[in-house]
PDB file of N, CA and C in Angstrom:
ATOM      1  N   MET A   1    -221.573  81.144-273.457  1.00  0.00           N
ATOM      2  CA  MET A   1    -221.924  80.032-272.594  1.00  0.00           C
ATOM      3  C   MET A   1    -220.805  78.983-272.651  1.00  0.00           C
ATOM      4  N   ARG A   2    -220.457  78.440-271.524  1.00  0.00           N
ATOM      5  CA  ARG A   2    -219.382  77.461-271.426  1.00  0.00           C
ATOM      6  C   ARG A   2    -219.934  76.051-271.578  1.00  0.00           C
ATOM      7  N   LYS A   3    -219.290  75.263-272.404  1.00  0.00           N
ATOM      8  CA  LYS A   3    -219.713  73.885-272.633  1.00  0.00           C
ATOM      9  C   LYS A   3    -219.167  72.990-271.510  1.00  0.00           C
ATOM     10  N   VAL A   4    -220.034  72.194-270.901  1.00  0.00           N
ATOM     11  CA  VAL A   4    -219.643  71.321-269.792  1.00  0.00           C
ATOM     12  C   VAL A   4    -219.271  69.950-270.350  1.00  0.00           C
ATOM     13  N   HIS A   5    -218.091  69.481-269.965  1.00  0.00           N
ATOM     14  CA  HIS A   5    -217.637  68.148-270.380  1.00  0.00           C
ATOM     15  C   HIS A   5    -218.060  67.136-269.329  1.00  0.00           C
ATOM     16  N   LYS A   6    -218.945  66.229-269.725  1.00  0.00           N
ATOM     17  CA  LYS A   6    -219.347  65.170-268.807  1.00  0.00           C
ATOM     18  C   LYS A   6    -218.348  64.034-268.924  1.00  0.00           C
ATOM     19  N   LYS A   7    -217.883  63.559-267.771  1.00  0.00           N
ATOM     20  CA  LYS A   7    -216.915  62.464-267.768  1.00  0.00           C
ATOM     21  C   LYS A   7    -217.606  61.148-268.082  1.00  0.00           C
ATOM     22  N   SER A   8    -216.876  60.307-268.809  1.00  0.00           N
ATOM     23  CA  SER A   8    -217.377  58.963-269.074  1.00  0.00           C
ATOM     24  C   SER A   8    -217.180  58.112-267.822  1.00  0.00           C
ATOM     25  N   ALA A   9    -217.835  56.968-267.794  1.00  0.00           N
ATOM     26  CA  ALA A   9    -217.677  56.054-266.660  1.00  0.00           C
ATOM     27  C   ALA A   9    -216.218  55.646-266.509  1.00  0.00           C
ATOM     28  N   GLN A  10    -215.528  55.438-267.637  1.00  0.00           N
ATOM     29  CA  GLN A  10    -214.115  55.053-267.592  1.00  0.00           C
ATOM     30  C   GLN A  10    -213.268  56.163-266.984  1.00  0.00           C
ATOM     31  N   GLU A  11    -213.548  57.410-267.326  1.00  0.00           N
ATOM     32  CA  GLU A  11    -212.800  58.537-266.766  1.00  0.00           C
ATOM     33  C   GLU A  11    -213.032  58.664-265.265  1.00  0.00           C
ATOM     34  N   ILE A  12    -214.254  58.453-264.830  1.00  0.00           N
ATOM     35  CA  ILE A  12    -214.571  58.501-263.398  1.00  0.00           C
ATOM     36  C   ILE A  12    -213.837  57.389-262.666  1.00  0.00           C
ATOM     37  N   GLN A  13    -213.872  56.171-263.238  1.00  0.00           N
ATOM     38  CA  GLN A  13    -213.172  55.036-262.622  1.00  0.00           C
ATOM     39  C   GLN A  13    -211.671  55.316-262.554  1.00  0.00           C
ATOM     40  N   ASP A  14    -211.103  55.848-263.621  1.00  0.00           N
ATOM     41  CA  ASP A  14    -209.671  56.178-263.626  1.00  0.00           C
ATOM     42  C   ASP A  14    -209.329  57.180-262.527  1.00  0.00           C
ATOM     43  N   ASP A  15    -210.169  58.194-262.357  1.00  0.00           N
ATOM     44  CA  ASP A  15    -209.947  59.188-261.302  1.00  0.00           C
ATOM     45  C   ASP A  15    -209.962  58.542-259.920  1.00  0.00           C
ATOM     46  N   ILE A  16    -210.929  57.659-259.692  1.00  0.00           N
ATOM     47  CA  ILE A  16    -211.039  56.986-258.391  1.00  0.00           C
ATOM     48  C   ILE A  16    -209.802  56.149-258.122  1.00  0.00           C
ATOM     49  N   PHE A  17    -209.390  55.324-259.097  1.00  0.00           N
ATOM     50  CA  PHE A  17    -208.238  54.451-258.889  1.00  0.00           C
ATOM     51  C   PHE A  17    -206.942  55.235-258.776  1.00  0.00           C
ATOM     52  N   ARG A  18    -206.833  56.363-259.470  1.00  0.00           N
ATOM     53  CA  ARG A  18    -205.632  57.188-259.395  1.00  0.00           C
ATOM     54  C   ARG A  18    -205.441  57.733-257.982  1.00  0.00           C
ATOM     55  N   LYS A  19    -206.542  58.011-257.298  1.00  0.00           N
ATOM     56  CA  LYS A  19    -206.483  58.587-255.959  1.00  0.00           C
ATOM     57  C   LYS A  19    -206.315  57.540-254.857  1.00  0.00           C
ATOM     58  N   MET A  20    -206.495  56.271-255.201  1.00  0.00           N
ATOM     59  CA  MET A  20    -206.407  55.204-254.192  1.00  0.00           C
ATOM     60  C   MET A  20    -204.950  54.859-253.899  1.00  0.00           C
ATOM     61  N   THR A  21    -204.687  54.448-252.667  1.00  0.00           N
ATOM     62  CA  THR A  21    -203.359  53.964-252.316  1.00  0.00           C
ATOM     63  C   THR A  21    -203.190  52.553-252.874  1.00  0.00           C
ATOM     64  N   THR A  22    -201.958  52.097-252.927  1.00  0.00           N
ATOM     65  CA  THR A  22    -201.687  50.739-253.402  1.00  0.00           C
ATOM     66  C   THR A  22    -202.401  49.717-252.530  1.00  0.00           C
ATOM     67  N   GLU A  23    -202.408  49.944-251.238  1.00  0.00           N
ATOM     68  CA  GLU A  23    -203.081  49.021-250.310  1.00  0.00           C
ATOM     69  C   GLU A  23    -204.578  48.946-250.618  1.00  0.00           C
ATOM     70  N   GLN A  24    -205.196  50.082-250.898  1.00  0.00           N
ATOM     71  CA  GLN A  24    -206.625  50.099-251.227  1.00  0.00           C
ATOM     72  C   GLN A  24    -206.887  49.375-252.542  1.00  0.00           C
ATOM     73  N   LYS A  25    -205.999  49.517-253.514  1.00  0.00           N
ATOM     74  CA  LYS A  25    -206.162  48.845-254.799  1.00  0.00           C
ATOM     75  C   LYS A  25    -206.072  47.331-254.627  1.00  0.00           C
ATOM     76  N   ILE A  26    -205.111  46.880-253.826  1.00  0.00           N
ATOM     77  CA  ILE A  26    -204.957  45.446-253.578  1.00  0.00           C
ATOM     78  C   ILE A  26    -206.179  44.906-252.854  1.00  0.00           C
ATOM     79  N   LEU A  27    -206.661  45.606-251.853  1.00  0.00           N
ATOM     80  CA  LEU A  27    -207.845  45.186-251.110  1.00  0.00           C
ATOM     81  C   LEU A  27    -209.067  45.122-252.023  1.00  0.00           C
ATOM     82  N   THR A  28    -209.239  46.137-252.860  1.00  0.00           N
ATOM     83  CA  THR A  28    -210.370  46.163-253.788  1.00  0.00           C
ATOM     84  C   THR A  28    -210.296  44.989-254.758  1.00  0.00           C
ATOM     85  N   GLY A  29    -209.116  44.717-255.303  1.00  0.00           N
ATOM     86  CA  GLY A  29    -208.941  43.585-256.211  1.00  0.00           C
ATOM     87  C   GLY A  29    -209.256  42.273-255.532  1.00  0.00           C
ATOM     88  N   SER A  30    -208.831  42.132-254.296  1.00  0.00           N
ATOM     89  CA  SER A  30    -209.082  40.915-253.530  1.00  0.00           C
ATOM     90  C   SER A  30    -210.579  40.706-253.289  1.00  0.00           C
ATOM     91  N   VAL A  31    -211.251  41.772-252.897  1.00  0.00           N
ATOM     92  CA  VAL A  31    -212.693  41.695-252.636  1.00  0.00           C
ATOM     93  C   VAL A  31    -213.451  41.355-253.914  1.00  0.00           C
ATOM     94  N   LEU A  32    -213.074  41.990-255.030  1.00  0.00           N
ATOM     95  CA  LEU A  32    -213.741  41.707-256.301  1.00  0.00           C
ATOM     96  C   LEU A  32    -213.502  40.276-256.749  1.00  0.00           C
ATOM     97  N   TRP A  33    -212.279  39.751-256.544  1.00  0.00           N
ATOM     98  CA  TRP A  33    -211.971  38.373-256.917  1.00  0.00           C
ATOM     99  C   TRP A  33    -212.811  37.408-256.088  1.00  0.00           C
ATOM    100  N   LYS A  34    -212.902  37.657-254.781  1.00  0.00           N
ATOM    101  CA  LYS A  34    -213.711  36.790-253.912  1.00  0.00           C
ATOM    102  C   LYS A  34    -215.180  36.814-254.327  1.00  0.00           C
ATOM    103  N   MET A  35    -215.678  37.996-254.687  1.00  0.00           N
ATOM    104  CA  MET A  35    -217.063  38.110-255.120  1.00  0.00           C
ATOM    105  C   MET A  35    -217.285  37.327-256.417  1.00  0.00           C
ATOM    106  N   ALA A  36    -216.361  37.463-257.364  1.00  0.00           N
ATOM    107  CA  ALA A  36    -216.477  36.723-258.623  1.00  0.00           C
ATOM    108  C   ALA A  36    -216.425  35.228-258.375  1.00  0.00           C
ATOM    109  N   LYS A  37    -215.576  34.806-257.452  1.00  0.00           N
ATOM    110  CA  LYS A  37    -215.465  33.385-257.118  1.00  0.00           C
ATOM    111  C   LYS A  37    -216.782  32.868-256.546  1.00  0.00           C
ATOM    112  N   ASN A  38    -217.428  33.655-255.704  1.00  0.00           N
ATOM    113  CA  ASN A  38    -218.709  33.247-255.122  1.00  0.00           C
ATOM    114  C   ASN A  38    -219.818  33.201-256.168  1.00  0.00           C
ATOM    115  N   ILE A  39    -219.763  34.100-257.120  1.00  0.00           N
ATOM    116  CA  ILE A  39    -220.810  34.166-258.143  1.00  0.00           C
ATOM    117  C   ILE A  39    -220.646  33.056-259.174  1.00  0.00           C
ATOM    118  N   ALA A  40    -219.428  32.840-259.638  1.00  0.00           N
ATOM    119  CA  ALA A  40    -219.209  31.903-260.746  1.00  0.00           C
ATOM    120  C   ALA A  40    -217.966  31.058-260.515  1.00  0.00           C
ATOM    121  N   SER A  41    -217.905  30.354-259.408  1.00  0.00           N
ATOM    122  CA  SER A  41    -216.711  29.579-259.077  1.00  0.00           C
ATOM    123  C   SER A  41    -216.440  28.466-260.085  1.00  0.00           C
ATOM    124  N   ASP A  42    -217.481  27.996-260.767  1.00  0.00           N
ATOM    125  CA  ASP A  42    -217.284  26.935-261.748  1.00  0.00           C
ATOM    126  C   ASP A  42    -216.587  27.442-263.017  1.00  0.00           C
ATOM    127  N   LYS A  43    -216.488  28.758-263.180  1.00  0.00           N
ATOM    128  CA  LYS A  43    -215.869  29.320-264.379  1.00  0.00           C
ATOM    129  C   LYS A  43    -214.461  29.845-264.125  1.00  0.00           C
ATOM    130  N   ILE A  44    -213.979  29.736-262.888  1.00  0.00           N
ATOM    131  CA  ILE A  44    -212.640  30.211-262.554  1.00  0.00           C
ATOM    132  C   ILE A  44    -211.671  29.050-262.695  1.00  0.00           C
ATOM    133  N   ASN A  45    -210.622  29.275-263.492  1.00  0.00           N
ATOM    134  CA  ASN A  45    -209.623  28.256-263.745  1.00  0.00           C
ATOM    135  C   ASN A  45    -208.420  28.527-262.828  1.00  0.00           C
ATOM    136  N   TYR A  46    -208.146  27.577-261.936  1.00  0.00           N
ATOM    137  CA  TYR A  46    -207.048  27.748-260.977  1.00  0.00           C
ATOM    138  C   TYR A  46    -205.709  27.233-261.519  1.00  0.00           C
ATOM    139  N   ALA A  47    -205.712  26.670-262.720  1.00  0.00           N
ATOM    140  CA  ALA A  47    -204.496  26.119-263.304  1.00  0.00           C
ATOM    141  C   ALA A  47    -203.499  27.238-263.606  1.00  0.00           C
ATOM    142  N   SER A  48    -202.220  26.939-263.425  1.00  0.00           N
ATOM    143  CA  SER A  48    -201.200  27.939-263.720  1.00  0.00           C
ATOM    144  C   SER A  48    -200.961  28.048-265.219  1.00  0.00           C
ATOM    145  N   LYS A  49    -201.276  26.979-265.976  1.00  0.00           N
ATOM    146  CA  LYS A  49    -201.122  26.999-267.432  1.00  0.00           C
ATOM    147  C   LYS A  49    -202.490  26.908-268.075  1.00  0.00           C
ATOM    148  N   ARG A  50    -202.708  27.751-269.060  1.00  0.00           N
ATOM    149  CA  ARG A  50    -203.970  27.770-269.784  1.00  0.00           C
ATOM    150  C   ARG A  50    -203.872  26.851-271.004  1.00  0.00           C
ATOM    151  N   LEU A  51    -204.966  26.308-271.406  1.00  0.00           N
ATOM    152  CA  LEU A  51    -204.990  25.462-272.602  1.00  0.00           C
ATOM    153  C   LEU A  51    -204.961  26.280-273.869  1.00  0.00           C
TER     154      LEU A  51
END
């Protein structure tokens, strides 16, 4: 009997991102950033220098 290797969530995510074009990665990052900003805009620091 052959043992089946189940992929971890990280492995699945890596596979998805590996197959994406650079343009798709940039778009995805932009959408996720906008979503995070809408959810918790008070926790996003826009300063170029961190304390």
